[in-house]
PDB file of N, CA and C in Angstrom:
ATOM      1  N   UNK A   1       0.850  -1.177   0.000  1.00  0.00           N
ATOM      2  CA  UNK A   1       0.000   0.000   0.000  1.00  0.00           C
ATOM      3  C   UNK A   1       0.892   1.236   0.000  1.00  0.00           C
ATOM      4  N   UNK A   2       0.704   2.173  -0.950  1.00  0.00           N
ATOM      5  CA  UNK A   2       1.556   3.366  -0.987  1.00  0.00           C
ATOM      6  C   UNK A   2       1.314   4.257   0.218  1.00  0.00           C
ATOM      7  N   UNK A   3       2.371   4.827   0.706  1.00  0.00           N
ATOM      8  CA  UNK A   3       2.279   5.734   1.839  1.00  0.00           C
ATOM      9  C   UNK A   3       1.976   7.140   1.334  1.00  0.00           C
ATOM     10  N   UNK A   4       1.468   7.977   2.208  1.00  0.00           N
ATOM     11  CA  UNK A   4       1.160   9.356   1.832  1.00  0.00           C
ATOM     12  C   UNK A   4       2.430  10.182   1.966  1.00  0.00           C
ATOM     13  N   UNK A   5       2.760  10.903   0.913  1.00  0.00           N
ATOM     14  CA  UNK A   5       3.973  11.715   0.904  1.00  0.00           C
ATOM     15  C   UNK A   5       3.773  12.991   1.709  1.00  0.00           C
ATOM     16  N   UNK A   6       4.753  13.368   2.532  1.00  0.00           N
ATOM     17  CA  UNK A   6       4.667  14.649   3.221  1.00  0.00           C
ATOM     18  C   UNK A   6       5.032  15.800   2.293  1.00  0.00           C
ATOM     19  N   UNK A   7       5.433  15.477   1.082  1.00  0.00           N
ATOM     20  CA  UNK A   7       5.834  16.478   0.104  1.00  0.00           C
ATOM     21  C   UNK A   7       4.724  16.677  -0.911  1.00  0.00           C
ATOM     22  N   UNK A   8       4.690  17.842  -1.477  1.00  0.00           N
ATOM     23  CA  UNK A   8       3.687  18.152  -2.489  1.00  0.00           C
ATOM     24  C   UNK A   8       3.987  17.390  -3.763  1.00  0.00           C
ATOM     25  N   UNK A   9       2.981  16.772  -4.318  1.00  0.00           N
ATOM     26  CA  UNK A   9       3.187  16.237  -5.654  1.00  0.00           C
ATOM     27  C   UNK A   9       3.116  17.422  -6.609  1.00  0.00           C
ATOM     28  N   UNK A  10       3.673  17.274  -7.751  1.00  0.00           N
ATOM     29  CA  UNK A  10       3.736  18.386  -8.703  1.00  0.00           C
ATOM     30  C   UNK A  10       2.351  18.802  -9.196  1.00  0.00           C
ATOM     31  N   UNK A  11       1.314  18.028  -8.912  1.00  0.00           N
ATOM     32  CA  UNK A  11      -0.021  18.386  -9.377  1.00  0.00           C
ATOM     33  C   UNK A  11      -0.974  18.705  -8.234  1.00  0.00           C
ATOM     34  N   UNK A  12      -0.501  18.791  -7.022  1.00  0.00           N
ATOM     35  CA  UNK A  12      -1.364  19.006  -5.870  1.00  0.00           C
ATOM     36  C   UNK A  12      -1.601  20.496  -5.628  1.00  0.00           C
ATOM     37  N   UNK A  13      -2.311  21.144  -6.558  1.00  0.00           N
ATOM     38  CA  UNK A  13      -2.508  22.589  -6.448  1.00  0.00           C
ATOM     39  C   UNK A  13      -3.558  22.976  -5.425  1.00  0.00           C
ATOM     40  N   UNK A  14      -4.387  22.059  -5.003  1.00  0.00           N
ATOM     41  CA  UNK A  14      -5.397  22.383  -3.995  1.00  0.00           C
ATOM     42  C   UNK A  14      -4.740  22.580  -2.637  1.00  0.00           C
ATOM     43  N   UNK A  15      -3.853  21.686  -2.264  1.00  0.00           N
ATOM     44  CA  UNK A  15      -3.216  21.770  -0.948  1.00  0.00           C
ATOM     45  C   UNK A  15      -2.174  22.873  -0.871  1.00  0.00           C
ATOM     46  N   UNK A  16      -1.522  23.186  -1.973  1.00  0.00           N
ATOM     47  CA  UNK A  16      -0.398  24.108  -1.918  1.00  0.00           C
ATOM     48  C   UNK A  16      -0.614  25.412  -2.665  1.00  0.00           C
ATOM     49  N   UNK A  17      -1.722  25.554  -3.347  1.00  0.00           N
ATOM     50  CA  UNK A  17      -2.117  26.807  -3.980  1.00  0.00           C
ATOM     51  C   UNK A  17      -1.022  27.540  -4.707  1.00  0.00           C
ATOM     52  N   UNK A  18      -0.694  28.731  -4.228  1.00  0.00           N
ATOM     53  CA  UNK A  18       0.218  29.617  -4.951  1.00  0.00           C
ATOM     54  C   UNK A  18       1.659  29.116  -4.964  1.00  0.00           C
ATOM     55  N   UNK A  19       1.996  28.094  -4.186  1.00  0.00           N
ATOM     56  CA  UNK A  19       3.353  27.541  -4.269  1.00  0.00           C
ATOM     57  C   UNK A  19       3.640  27.060  -5.682  1.00  0.00           C
ATOM     58  N   UNK A  20       2.597  26.665  -6.399  1.00  0.00           N
ATOM     59  CA  UNK A  20       2.779  26.183  -7.759  1.00  0.00           C
ATOM     60  C   UNK A  20       3.116  27.299  -8.739  1.00  0.00           C
ATOM     61  N   UNK A  21       3.032  28.537  -8.311  1.00  0.00           N
ATOM     62  CA  UNK A  21       3.388  29.643  -9.187  1.00  0.00           C
ATOM     63  C   UNK A  21       4.899  29.791  -9.339  1.00  0.00           C
ATOM     64  N   UNK A  22       5.659  29.171  -8.468  1.00  0.00           N
ATOM     65  CA  UNK A  22       7.118  29.241  -8.557  1.00  0.00           C
ATOM     66  C   UNK A  22       7.638  27.882  -9.006  1.00  0.00           C
ATOM     67  N   UNK A  23       8.162  27.844 -10.219  1.00  0.00           N
ATOM     68  CA  UNK A  23       8.603  26.581 -10.812  1.00  0.00           C
ATOM     69  C   UNK A  23       9.719  25.923 -10.008  1.00  0.00           C
ATOM     70  N   UNK A  24      10.557  26.714  -9.340  1.00  0.00           N
ATOM     71  CA  UNK A  24      11.636  26.132  -8.530  1.00  0.00           C
ATOM     72  C   UNK A  24      11.057  25.381  -7.337  1.00  0.00           C
ATOM     73  N   UNK A  25      10.021  25.933  -6.720  1.00  0.00           N
ATOM     74  CA  UNK A  25       9.367  25.255  -5.596  1.00  0.00           C
ATOM     75  C   UNK A  25       8.700  23.974  -6.085  1.00  0.00           C
ATOM     76  N   UNK A  26       8.040  24.045  -7.224  1.00  0.00           N
ATOM     77  CA  UNK A  26       7.402  22.858  -7.797  1.00  0.00           C
ATOM     78  C   UNK A  26       8.444  21.781  -8.064  1.00  0.00           C
ATOM     79  N   UNK A  27       9.593  22.192  -8.617  1.00  0.00           N
ATOM     80  CA  UNK A  27      10.650  21.224  -8.930  1.00  0.00           C
ATOM     81  C   UNK A  27      11.188  20.567  -7.662  1.00  0.00           C
ATOM     82  N   UNK A  28      11.498  21.378  -6.649  1.00  0.00           N
ATOM     83  CA  UNK A  28      12.031  20.830  -5.400  1.00  0.00           C
ATOM     84  C   UNK A  28      11.045  19.864  -4.753  1.00  0.00           C
ATOM     85  N   UNK A  29       9.784  20.276  -4.697  1.00  0.00           N
ATOM     86  CA  UNK A  29       8.764  19.421  -4.083  1.00  0.00           C
ATOM     87  C   UNK A  29       8.514  18.166  -4.901  1.00  0.00           C
ATOM     88  N   UNK A  30       8.487  18.325  -6.214  1.00  0.00           N
ATOM     89  CA  UNK A  30       8.265  17.160  -7.067  1.00  0.00           C
ATOM     90  C   UNK A  30       9.365  16.126  -6.940  1.00  0.00           C
ATOM     91  N   UNK A  31      10.611  16.590  -6.915  1.00  0.00           N
ATOM     92  CA  UNK A  31      11.747  15.672  -6.744  1.00  0.00           C
ATOM     93  C   UNK A  31      11.655  14.983  -5.385  1.00  0.00           C
ATOM     94  N   UNK A  32      11.387  15.751  -4.336  1.00  0.00           N
ATOM     95  CA  UNK A  32      11.281  15.182  -2.991  1.00  0.00           C
ATOM     96  C   UNK A  32      10.162  14.150  -2.934  1.00  0.00           C
ATOM     97  N   UNK A  33       9.045  14.468  -3.556  1.00  0.00           N
ATOM     98  CA  UNK A  33       7.890  13.566  -3.581  1.00  0.00           C
ATOM     99  C   UNK A  33       8.243  12.247  -4.280  1.00  0.00           C
ATOM    100  N   UNK A  34       8.871  12.354  -5.446  1.00  0.00           N
ATOM    101  CA  UNK A  34       9.228  11.147  -6.195  1.00  0.00           C
ATOM    102  C   UNK A  34      10.250  10.292  -5.447  1.00  0.00           C
ATOM    103  N   UNK A  35      11.239  10.928  -4.831  1.00  0.00           N
ATOM    104  CA  UNK A  35      12.254  10.184  -4.074  1.00  0.00           C
ATOM    105  C   UNK A  35      11.606   9.494  -2.871  1.00  0.00           C
ATOM    106  N   UNK A  36      10.716  10.214  -2.178  1.00  0.00           N
ATOM    107  CA  UNK A  36      10.008   9.632  -1.043  1.00  0.00           C
ATOM    108  C   UNK A  36       9.214   8.397  -1.477  1.00  0.00           C
ATOM    109  N   UNK A  37       8.427   8.535  -2.542  1.00  0.00           N
ATOM    110  CA  UNK A  37       7.605   7.411  -3.003  1.00  0.00           C
ATOM    111  C   UNK A  37       8.459   6.235  -3.461  1.00  0.00           C
ATOM    112  N   UNK A  38       9.577   6.523  -4.116  1.00  0.00           N
ATOM    113  CA  UNK A  38      10.467   5.443  -4.550  1.00  0.00           C
ATOM    114  C   UNK A  38      11.053   4.709  -3.342  1.00  0.00           C
ATOM    115  N   UNK A  39      11.419   5.464  -2.309  1.00  0.00           N
ATOM    116  CA  UNK A  39      11.978   4.841  -1.104  1.00  0.00           C
ATOM    117  C   UNK A  39      10.936   3.981  -0.407  1.00  0.00           C
ATOM    118  N   UNK A  40       9.704   4.473  -0.315  1.00  0.00           N
ATOM    119  CA  UNK A  40       8.629   3.692   0.303  1.00  0.00           C
ATOM    120  C   UNK A  40       8.363   2.434  -0.515  1.00  0.00           C
ATOM    121  N   UNK A  41       8.344   2.589  -1.836  1.00  0.00           N
ATOM    122  CA  UNK A  41       8.103   1.440  -2.716  1.00  0.00           C
ATOM    123  C   UNK A  41       9.184   0.384  -2.597  1.00  0.00           C
ATOM    124  N   UNK A  42      10.404   0.815  -2.277  1.00  0.00           N
ATOM    125  CA  UNK A  42      11.495  -0.150  -2.139  1.00  0.00           C
ATOM    126  C   UNK A  42      11.521  -0.789  -0.754  1.00  0.00           C
ATOM    127  N   UNK A  43      10.526  -0.439   0.089  1.00  0.00           N
ATOM    128  CA  UNK A  43      10.406  -1.081   1.390  1.00  0.00           C
ATOM    129  C   UNK A  43      11.023  -0.320   2.549  1.00  0.00           C
ATOM    130  N   UNK A  44      11.493   0.885   2.311  1.00  0.00           N
ATOM    131  CA  UNK A  44      12.091   1.651   3.406  1.00  0.00           C
ATOM    132  C   UNK A  44      11.006   2.160   4.348  1.00  0.00           C
ATOM    133  N   UNK A  45      11.366   2.304   5.605  1.00  0.00           N
ATOM    134  CA  UNK A  45      10.461   2.857   6.606  1.00  0.00           C
ATOM    135  C   UNK A  45      10.128   4.297   6.238  1.00  0.00           C
ATOM    136  N   UNK A  46       8.935   4.755   6.639  1.00  0.00           N
ATOM    137  CA  UNK A  46       8.484   6.099   6.282  1.00  0.00           C
ATOM    138  C   UNK A  46       9.477   7.174   6.732  1.00  0.00           C
ATOM    139  N   UNK A  47      10.063   7.037   7.923  1.00  0.00           N
ATOM    140  CA  UNK A  47      11.018   8.046   8.401  1.00  0.00           C
ATOM    141  C   UNK A  47      12.255   8.125   7.507  1.00  0.00           C
ATOM    142  N   UNK A  48      12.755   6.951   7.097  1.00  0.00           N
ATOM    143  CA  UNK A  48      13.925   6.932   6.211  1.00  0.00           C
ATOM    144  C   UNK A  48      13.566   7.500   4.844  1.00  0.00           C
ATOM    145  N   UNK A  49      12.363   7.196   4.365  1.00  0.00           N
ATOM    146  CA  UNK A  49      11.909   7.714   3.074  1.00  0.00           C
ATOM    147  C   UNK A  49      11.770   9.237   3.133  1.00  0.00           C
ATOM    148  N   UNK A  50      11.238   9.746   4.242  1.00  0.00           N
ATOM    149  CA  UNK A  50      11.119  11.200   4.401  1.00  0.00           C
ATOM    150  C   UNK A  50      12.496  11.859   4.411  1.00  0.00           C
ATOM    151  N   UNK A  51      13.451  11.244   5.109  1.00  0.00           N
ATOM    152  CA  UNK A  51      14.811  11.802   5.158  1.00  0.00           C
ATOM    153  C   UNK A  51      15.413  11.854   3.750  1.00  0.00           C
ATOM    154  N   UNK A  52      15.175  10.835   2.946  1.00  0.00           N
ATOM    155  CA  UNK A  52      15.667  10.844   1.567  1.00  0.00           C
ATOM    156  C   UNK A  52      14.985  11.939   0.759  1.00  0.00           C
ATOM    157  N   UNK A  53      13.683  12.127   0.978  1.00  0.00           N
ATOM    158  CA  UNK A  53      12.952  13.181   0.288  1.00  0.00           C
ATOM    159  C   UNK A  53      13.457  14.564   0.658  1.00  0.00           C
ATOM    160  N   UNK A  54      13.731  14.766   1.942  1.00  0.00           N
ATOM    161  CA  UNK A  54      14.263  16.055   2.410  1.00  0.00           C
ATOM    162  C   UNK A  54      15.609  16.332   1.742  1.00  0.00           C
ATOM    163  N   UNK A  55      16.458  15.333   1.700  1.00  0.00           N
ATOM    164  CA  UNK A  55      17.769  15.503   1.065  1.00  0.00           C
ATOM    165  C   UNK A  55      17.616  15.815  -0.425  1.00  0.00           C
ATOM    166  N   UNK A  56      16.666  15.160  -1.067  1.00  0.00           N
ATOM    167  CA  UNK A  56      16.425  15.416  -2.488  1.00  0.00           C
ATOM    168  C   UNK A  56      15.917  16.844  -2.696  1.00  0.00           C
ATOM    169  N   UNK A  57      15.065  17.322  -1.801  1.00  0.00           N
ATOM    170  CA  UNK A  57      14.565  18.707  -1.889  1.00  0.00           C
ATOM    171  C   UNK A  57      15.747  19.671  -1.821  1.00  0.00           C
ATOM    172  N   UNK A  58      16.609  19.467  -0.841  1.00  0.00           N
ATOM    173  CA  UNK A  58      17.767  20.353  -0.666  1.00  0.00           C
ATOM    174  C   UNK A  58      18.684  20.341  -1.885  1.00  0.00           C
ATOM    175  N   UNK A  59      18.944  19.154  -2.425  1.00  0.00           N
ATOM    176  CA  UNK A  59      19.824  19.050  -3.603  1.00  0.00           C
ATOM    177  C   UNK A  59      19.199  19.705  -4.830  1.00  0.00           C
ATOM    178  N   UNK A  60      17.878  19.807  -4.857  1.00  0.00           N
ATOM    179  CA  UNK A  60      17.178  20.381  -6.009  1.00  0.00           C
ATOM    180  C   UNK A  60      17.064  21.898  -5.946  1.00  0.00           C
ATOM    181  N   UNK A  61      17.431  22.491  -4.828  1.00  0.00           N
ATOM    182  CA  UNK A  61      17.308  23.941  -4.700  1.00  0.00           C
ATOM    183  C   UNK A  61      18.255  24.627  -5.691  1.00  0.00           C
ATOM    184  N   UNK A  62      17.831  25.779  -6.233  1.00  0.00           N
ATOM    185  CA  UNK A  62      18.641  26.452  -7.253  1.00  0.00           C
ATOM    186  C   UNK A  62      19.998  26.899  -6.710  1.00  0.00           C
ATOM    187  N   UNK A  63      21.004  26.919  -7.581  1.00  0.00           N
ATOM    188  CA  UNK A  63      22.307  27.447  -7.163  1.00  0.00           C
ATOM    189  C   UNK A  63      22.208  28.953  -6.966  1.00  0.00           C
ATOM    190  N   UNK A  64      23.069  29.473  -6.141  1.00  0.00           N
ATOM    191  CA  UNK A  64      23.060  30.908  -5.831  1.00  0.00           C
ATOM    192  C   UNK A  64      23.977  31.663  -6.792  1.00  0.00           C
ATOM    193  N   UNK A  65      23.654  31.600  -8.085  1.00  0.00           N
ATOM    194  CA  UNK A  65      24.554  32.190  -9.077  1.00  0.00           C
ATOM    195  C   UNK A  65      23.954  33.322  -9.912  1.00  0.00           C
ATOM    196  N   UNK A  66      22.655  33.513  -9.843  1.00  0.00           N
ATOM    197  CA  UNK A  66      22.017  34.626 -10.551  1.00  0.00           C
ATOM    198  C   UNK A  66      20.947  35.225  -9.640  1.00  0.00           C
ATOM    199  N   UNK A  67      20.528  36.442  -9.950  1.00  0.00           N
ATOM    200  CA  UNK A  67      19.485  37.066  -9.142  1.00  0.00           C
ATOM    201  C   UNK A  67      18.207  36.237  -9.151  1.00  0.00           C
ATOM    202  N   UNK A  68      17.828  35.725 -10.308  1.00  0.00           N
ATOM    203  CA  UNK A  68      16.605  34.924 -10.397  1.00  0.00           C
ATOM    204  C   UNK A  68      16.734  33.646  -9.573  1.00  0.00           C
ATOM    205  N   UNK A  69      17.871  32.966  -9.672  1.00  0.00           N
ATOM    206  CA  UNK A  69      18.070  31.746  -8.885  1.00  0.00           C
ATOM    207  C   UNK A  69      18.056  32.045  -7.391  1.00  0.00           C
ATOM    208  N   UNK A  70      18.614  33.173  -7.006  1.00  0.00           N
ATOM    209  CA  UNK A  70      18.627  33.538  -5.585  1.00  0.00           C
ATOM    210  C   UNK A  70      17.200  33.767  -5.092  1.00  0.00           C
ATOM    211  N   UNK A  71      16.398  34.460  -5.889  1.00  0.00           N
ATOM    212  CA  UNK A  71      14.988  34.654  -5.516  1.00  0.00           C
ATOM    213  C   UNK A  71      14.280  33.305  -5.406  1.00  0.00           C
ATOM    214  N   UNK A  72      14.547  32.412  -6.348  1.00  0.00           N
ATOM    215  CA  UNK A  72      13.925  31.092  -6.309  1.00  0.00           C
ATOM    216  C   UNK A  72      14.410  30.271  -5.111  1.00  0.00           C
ATOM    217  N   UNK A  73      15.690  30.387  -4.795  1.00  0.00           N
ATOM    218  CA  UNK A  73      16.253  29.715  -3.625  1.00  0.00           C
ATOM    219  C   UNK A  73      15.519  30.167  -2.362  1.00  0.00           C
ATOM    220  N   UNK A  74      15.304  31.483  -2.245  1.00  0.00           N
ATOM    221  CA  UNK A  74      14.592  32.027  -1.088  1.00  0.00           C
ATOM    222  C   UNK A  74      13.167  31.468  -1.035  1.00  0.00           C
ATOM    223  N   UNK A  75      12.517  31.378  -2.175  1.00  0.00           N
ATOM    224  CA  UNK A  75      11.170  30.805  -2.224  1.00  0.00           C
ATOM    225  C   UNK A  75      11.171  29.351  -1.776  1.00  0.00           C
ATOM    226  N   UNK A  76      12.178  28.607  -2.207  1.00  0.00           N
ATOM    227  CA  UNK A  76      12.276  27.194  -1.808  1.00  0.00           C
ATOM    228  C   UNK A  76      12.511  27.062  -0.306  1.00  0.00           C
ATOM    229  N   UNK A  77      13.365  27.914   0.251  1.00  0.00           N
ATOM    230  CA  UNK A  77      13.609  27.892   1.697  1.00  0.00           C
ATOM    231  C   UNK A  77      12.324  28.217   2.446  1.00  0.00           C
ATOM    232  N   UNK A  78      11.641  29.267   2.019  1.00  0.00           N
ATOM    233  CA  UNK A  78      10.408  29.673   2.698  1.00  0.00           C
ATOM    234  C   UNK A  78       9.362  28.562   2.636  1.00  0.00           C
ATOM    235  N   UNK A  79       9.213  27.952   1.470  1.00  0.00           N
ATOM    236  CA  UNK A  79       8.231  26.873   1.345  1.00  0.00           C
ATOM    237  C   UNK A  79       8.627  25.670   2.199  1.00  0.00           C
ATOM    238  N   UNK A  80       9.906  25.360   2.202  1.00  0.00           N
ATOM    239  CA  UNK A  80      10.371  24.224   3.006  1.00  0.00           C
ATOM    240  C   UNK A  80      10.132  24.462   4.493  1.00  0.00           C
ATOM    241  N   UNK A  81      10.243  25.707   4.928  1.00  0.00           N
ATOM    242  CA  UNK A  81       9.919  26.007   6.334  1.00  0.00           C
ATOM    243  C   UNK A  81       8.429  25.779   6.579  1.00  0.00           C
ATOM    244  N   UNK A  82       7.602  26.197   5.633  1.00  0.00           N
ATOM    245  CA  UNK A  82       6.156  26.041   5.798  1.00  0.00           C
ATOM    246  C   UNK A  82       5.728  24.585   5.888  1.00  0.00           C
ATOM    247  N   UNK A  83       6.375  23.734   5.102  1.00  0.00           N
ATOM    248  CA  UNK A  83       6.007  22.310   5.152  1.00  0.00           C
ATOM    249  C   UNK A  83       6.914  21.532   6.104  1.00  0.00           C
ATOM    250  N   UNK A  84       7.709  22.261   6.850  1.00  0.00           N
ATOM    251  CA  UNK A  84       8.525  21.731   7.945  1.00  0.00           C
ATOM    252  C   UNK A  84       9.569  20.696   7.520  1.00  0.00           C
ATOM    253  N   UNK A  85      10.232  20.998   6.398  1.00  0.00           N
ATOM    254  CA  UNK A  85      11.350  20.126   6.036  1.00  0.00           C
ATOM    255  C   UNK A  85      12.686  20.837   6.200  1.00  0.00           C
ATOM    256  N   UNK A  86      12.643  22.129   6.439  1.00  0.00           N
ATOM    257  CA  UNK A  86      13.832  22.874   6.864  1.00  0.00           C
ATOM    258  C   UNK A  86      13.476  23.468   8.218  1.00  0.00           C
ATOM    259  N   UNK A  87      14.218  23.095   9.257  1.00  0.00           N
ATOM    260  CA  UNK A  87      13.912  23.621  10.590  1.00  0.00           C
ATOM    261  C   UNK A  87      14.065  25.137  10.658  1.00  0.00           C
ATOM    262  N   UNK A  88      13.205  25.763  11.435  1.00  0.00           N
ATOM    263  CA  UNK A  88      13.205  27.226  11.565  1.00  0.00           C
ATOM    264  C   UNK A  88      14.565  27.746  12.020  1.00  0.00           C
ATOM    265  N   UNK A  89      15.277  26.983  12.826  1.00  0.00           N
ATOM    266  CA  UNK A  89      16.580  27.459  13.304  1.00  0.00           C
ATOM    267  C   UNK A  89      17.662  27.377  12.219  1.00  0.00           C
ATOM    268  N   UNK A  90      17.424  26.602  11.165  1.00  0.00           N
ATOM    269  CA  UNK A  90      18.396  26.505  10.077  1.00  0.00           C
ATOM    270  C   UNK A  90      18.138  27.542   8.977  1.00  0.00           C
ATOM    271  N   UNK A  91      16.907  27.971   8.854  1.00  0.00           N
ATOM    272  CA  UNK A  91      16.524  28.888   7.779  1.00  0.00           C
ATOM    273  C   UNK A  91      17.337  30.183   7.758  1.00  0.00           C
ATOM    274  N   UNK A  92      17.590  30.830   8.904  1.00  0.00           N
ATOM    275  CA  UNK A  92      18.371  32.075   8.836  1.00  0.00           C
ATOM    276  C   UNK A  92      19.744  31.898   8.189  1.00  0.00           C
ATOM    277  N   UNK A  93      20.378  30.759   8.426  1.00  0.00           N
ATOM    278  CA  UNK A  93      21.692  30.494   7.814  1.00  0.00           C
ATOM    279  C   UNK A  93      21.569  30.404   6.296  1.00  0.00           C
ATOM    280  N   UNK A  94      20.532  29.732   5.811  1.00  0.00           N
ATOM    281  CA  UNK A  94      20.324  29.612   4.368  1.00  0.00           C
ATOM    282  C   UNK A  94      19.961  30.956   3.744  1.00  0.00           C
ATOM    283  N   UNK A  95      19.123  31.713   4.434  1.00  0.00           N
ATOM    284  CA  UNK A  95      18.732  33.023   3.914  1.00  0.00           C
ATOM    285  C   UNK A  95      19.907  34.005   3.937  1.00  0.00           C
ATOM    286  N   UNK A  96      20.777  33.869   4.923  1.00  0.00           N
ATOM    287  CA  UNK A  96      21.982  34.707   4.956  1.00  0.00           C
ATOM    288  C   UNK A  96      22.898  34.363   3.783  1.00  0.00           C
ATOM    289  N   UNK A  97      23.002  33.085   3.466  1.00  0.00           N
ATOM    290  CA  UNK A  97      23.801  32.685   2.304  1.00  0.00           C
ATOM    291  C   UNK A  97      23.237  33.309   1.031  1.00  0.00           C
ATOM    292  N   UNK A  98      21.909  33.333   0.927  1.00  0.00           N
ATOM    293  CA  UNK A  98      21.278  33.960  -0.244  1.00  0.00           C
ATOM    294  C   UNK A  98      21.555  35.461  -0.276  1.00  0.00           C
ATOM    295  N   UNK A  99      21.518  36.096   0.895  1.00  0.00           N
ATOM    296  CA  UNK A  99      21.788  37.529   0.976  1.00  0.00           C
ATOM    297  C   UNK A  99      23.228  37.831   0.548  1.00  0.00           C
ATOM    298  N   UNK A 100      24.180  37.028   1.023  1.00  0.00           N
ATOM    299  CA  UNK A 100      25.590  37.209   0.633  1.00  0.00           C
ATOM    300  C   UNK A 100      25.760  37.003  -0.868  1.00  0.00           C
ATOM    301  N   UNK A 101      25.109  35.974  -1.404  1.00  0.00           N
ATOM    302  CA  UNK A 101      25.211  35.697  -2.833  1.00  0.00           C
ATOM    303  C   UNK A 101      24.623  36.841  -3.653  1.00  0.00           C
ATOM    304  N   UNK A 102      23.531  37.409  -3.174  1.00  0.00           N
ATOM    305  CA  UNK A 102      22.911  38.518  -3.887  1.00  0.00           C
ATOM    306  C   UNK A 102      23.875  39.699  -4.003  1.00  0.00           C
ATOM    307  N   UNK A 103      24.669  39.925  -2.965  1.00  0.00           N
ATOM    308  CA  UNK A 103      25.658  40.995  -3.013  1.00  0.00           C
ATOM    309  C   UNK A 103      26.815  40.689  -3.942  1.00  0.00           C
ATOM    310  N   UNK A 104      27.017  39.417  -4.260  1.00  0.00           N
ATOM    311  CA  UNK A 104      28.162  39.019  -5.080  1.00  0.00           C
ATOM    312  C   UNK A 104      27.843  38.887  -6.565  1.00  0.00           C
ATOM    313  N   UNK A 105      26.582  38.711  -6.904  1.00  0.00           N
ATOM    314  CA  UNK A 105      26.247  38.533  -8.326  1.00  0.00           C
ATOM    315  C   UNK A 105      26.121  39.887  -9.005  1.00  0.00           C
ATOM    316  N   UNK A 106      26.474  39.940 -10.284  1.00  0.00           N
ATOM    317  CA  UNK A 106      26.342  41.207 -11.011  1.00  0.00           C
ATOM    318  C   UNK A 106      24.876  41.633 -11.069  1.00  0.00           C
ATOM    319  N   UNK A 107      24.661  42.908 -10.954  1.00  0.00           N
ATOM    320  CA  UNK A 107      23.305  43.443 -11.023  1.00  0.00           C
ATOM    321  C   UNK A 107      22.838  43.442 -12.473  1.00  0.00           C
ATOM    322  N   UNK A 108      21.609  43.028 -12.671  1.00  0.00           N
ATOM    323  CA  UNK A 108      21.043  43.081 -14.014  1.00  0.00           C
ATOM    324  C   UNK A 108      20.289  44.391 -14.161  1.00  0.00           C
ATOM    325  N   UNK A 109      20.366  44.995 -15.342  1.00  0.00           N
ATOM    326  CA  UNK A 109      19.664  46.271 -15.516  1.00  0.00           C
ATOM    327  C   UNK A 109      18.163  46.071 -15.365  1.00  0.00           C
ATOM    328  N   UNK A 110      17.551  47.030 -14.728  1.00  0.00           N
ATOM    329  CA  UNK A 110      16.109  46.962 -14.525  1.00  0.00           C
ATOM    330  C   UNK A 110      15.403  47.274 -15.834  1.00  0.00           C
ATOM    331  N   UNK A 111      14.191  46.771 -15.972  1.00  0.00           N
ATOM    332  CA  UNK A 111      13.435  47.025 -17.200  1.00  0.00           C
ATOM    333  C   UNK A 111      12.917  48.457 -17.222  1.00  0.00           C
ATOM    334  N   UNK A 112      12.850  49.085 -16.050  1.00  0.00           N
ATOM    335  CA  UNK A 112      12.425  50.490 -15.982  1.00  0.00           C
ATOM    336  C   UNK A 112      13.650  51.363 -15.775  1.00  0.00           C
ATOM    337  N   UNK A 113      13.757  52.368 -16.569  1.00  0.00           N
ATOM    338  CA  UNK A 113      14.874  53.293 -16.419  1.00  0.00           C
ATOM    339  C   UNK A 113      14.558  54.302 -15.318  1.00  0.00           C
ATOM    340  N   UNK A 114      15.563  54.633 -14.526  1.00  0.00           N
ATOM    341  CA  UNK A 114      15.361  55.637 -13.478  1.00  0.00           C
ATOM    342  C   UNK A 114      15.625  57.029 -14.010  1.00  0.00           C
ATOM    343  N   UNK A 115      16.192  57.104 -15.206  1.00  0.00           N
ATOM    344  CA  UNK A 115      16.461  58.407 -15.807  1.00  0.00           C
ATOM    345  C   UNK A 115      15.206  58.901 -16.513  1.00  0.00           C
ATOM    346  N   UNK A 116      14.935  60.178 -16.374  1.00  0.00           N
ATOM    347  CA  UNK A 116      13.745  60.697 -17.082  1.00  0.00           C
ATOM    348  C   UNK A 116      13.940  60.642 -18.591  1.00  0.00           C
ATOM    349  N   UNK A 117      12.860  60.351 -19.277  1.00  0.00           N
ATOM    350  CA  UNK A 117      12.913  60.292 -20.735  1.00  0.00           C
ATOM    351  C   UNK A 117      12.821  61.673 -21.335  1.00  0.00           C
ATOM    352  N   UNK A 118      12.956  61.771 -22.639  1.00  0.00           N
ATOM    353  CA  UNK A 118      12.882  63.087 -23.300  1.00  0.00           C
ATOM    354  C   UNK A 118      11.467  63.651 -23.189  1.00  0.00           C
ATOM    355  N   UNK A 119      11.421  64.934 -23.064  1.00  0.00           N
ATOM    356  CA  UNK A 119      10.133  65.640 -22.991  1.00  0.00           C
ATOM    357  C   UNK A 119       9.525  65.659 -24.383  1.00  0.00           C
ATOM    358  N   UNK A 120       8.234  65.451 -24.461  1.00  0.00           N
ATOM    359  CA  UNK A 120       7.540  65.512 -25.765  1.00  0.00           C
ATOM    360  C   UNK A 120       6.760  66.777 -25.888  1.00  0.00           C
TER     361      UNK A 120
END
């Protein structure tokens, strides 16, 4: 009998609503869900399967190499705290890493110019 995954399946939009709006969160949760189900199917205890799913979620988080990835990383951390797979005491360390990375990546030009345009 399949066990119930503590992770969001990639199609569970009722339970997780707007989390599905961020593709990085969907990817992390989907990978964790699949790893969890595979571990349960192979006969592992639910706790061991959950631990494998948590590790898979972490490995799936975006690298801190671009502004977009950093924003997605923050979304993944926040979602993981909400579903209790990243402990609240660990989150500040991860968010600080994202903050440091944000200071290190080159700034991308904004789509809106701060300079006034020509008068018509």
